[in-house]
Amino acid sequence: MFVVLGVLGIFLPILQGILFLAVGFYLLSLESPWAHRKIEQMRVKYPRFGATFDQARDRAARYARKLRKLTR
């Protein structure tokens, strides 16, 4: 869902596309070794991406905690 929102956000000015993509790929990387490798390659090639990714990872962790609390 986050990856789709990220792609839409690239074209729509009201969504933060890069942030949604980063959150989506972080969540995907938890289960997919391919996504995890791609994220690490991007972090090395584009250091500024690392800061955006860290911010997205923190947001995703907060969302995950909120979802866990709601499902209990």
Protein backbone atom coordinates (compact mmCIF):
# COMPACT_ATOMS: atom_id res chain seq x y z
CA MET A 1 0.00 0.00 0.00
CA PHE A 2 2.79 2.42 0.89
CA VAL A 3 4.65 1.72 -2.34
CA VAL A 4 1.51 2.45 -4.36
CA LEU A 5 0.97 5.69 -2.43
CA GLY A 6 4.61 6.57 -3.05
CA VAL A 7 4.24 6.11 -6.79
CA LEU A 8 1.10 8.25 -6.74
CA GLY A 9 2.91 10.82 -4.60
CA ILE A 10 5.56 11.26 -7.25
CA PHE A 11 2.89 12.62 -9.58
CA LEU A 12 0.48 14.23 -7.09
CA PRO A 13 1.75 17.27 -5.18
CA ILE A 14 -0.33 16.54 -2.06
CA LEU A 15 1.47 13.29 -1.20
CA GLN A 16 5.08 12.90 -0.13
CA GLY A 17 6.04 10.27 -2.68
CA ILE A 18 9.62 9.62 -1.62
CA LEU A 19 8.65 9.18 2.02
CA PHE A 20 5.85 6.72 1.20
CA LEU A 21 8.18 4.79 -1.10
CA ALA A 22 10.83 4.61 1.62
CA VAL A 23 8.30 3.37 4.21
CA GLY A 24 6.91 0.84 1.75
CA PHE A 25 10.31 -0.51 0.80
CA TYR A 26 11.35 -0.70 4.44
CA LEU A 27 8.32 -2.81 5.26
CA LEU A 28 8.94 -4.91 2.18
CA SER A 29 12.60 -5.37 3.13
CA LEU A 30 11.59 -7.04 6.39
CA GLU A 31 10.37 -10.03 4.38
CA SER A 32 12.21 -9.75 1.07
CA PRO A 33 16.00 -10.19 0.81
CA TRP A 34 15.88 -8.56 -2.64
CA ALA A 35 14.31 -5.37 -1.23
CA HIS A 36 16.80 -5.35 1.66
CA ARG A 37 19.77 -5.55 -0.76
CA LYS A 38 18.34 -2.79 -2.95
CA ILE A 39 17.89 -0.48 0.02
CA GLU A 40 21.47 -1.06 1.15
CA GLN A 41 22.75 -0.39 -2.39
CA MET A 42 20.78 2.86 -2.48
CA ARG A 43 22.16 3.92 0.90
CA VAL A 44 25.73 3.48 -0.36
CA LYS A 45 25.14 5.12 -3.74
CA TYR A 46 22.99 8.02 -2.44
CA PRO A 47 23.93 9.06 1.11
CA ARG A 48 21.08 11.60 1.29
CA PHE A 49 18.69 8.72 0.73
CA GLY A 50 19.99 7.23 3.97
CA ALA A 51 18.59 10.13 5.98
CA THR A 52 15.21 9.87 4.24
CA PHE A 53 15.21 6.13 4.73
CA ASP A 54 16.02 6.46 8.44
CA GLN A 55 13.15 8.91 8.83
CA ALA A 56 10.81 6.56 6.96
CA ARG A 57 11.97 3.56 9.00
CA ASP A 58 11.19 5.42 12.22
CA ARG A 59 7.72 6.34 10.95
CA ALA A 60 7.06 2.78 9.85
CA ALA A 61 8.08 1.50 13.29
CA ARG A 62 5.65 3.94 14.92
CA TYR A 63 2.84 2.82 12.58
CA ALA A 64 3.62 -0.82 13.33
CA ARG A 65 3.46 -0.19 17.08
CA LYS A 66 0.11 1.60 16.71
CA LEU A 67 -1.28 -1.26 14.62
CA ARG A 68 -0.16 -3.82 17.17
CA LYS A 69 -1.90 -1.90 19.94
CA LEU A 70 -5.11 -1.71 17.90
CA THR A 71 -5.16 -5.43 17.19
CA ARG A 72 -4.80 -6.45 20.81
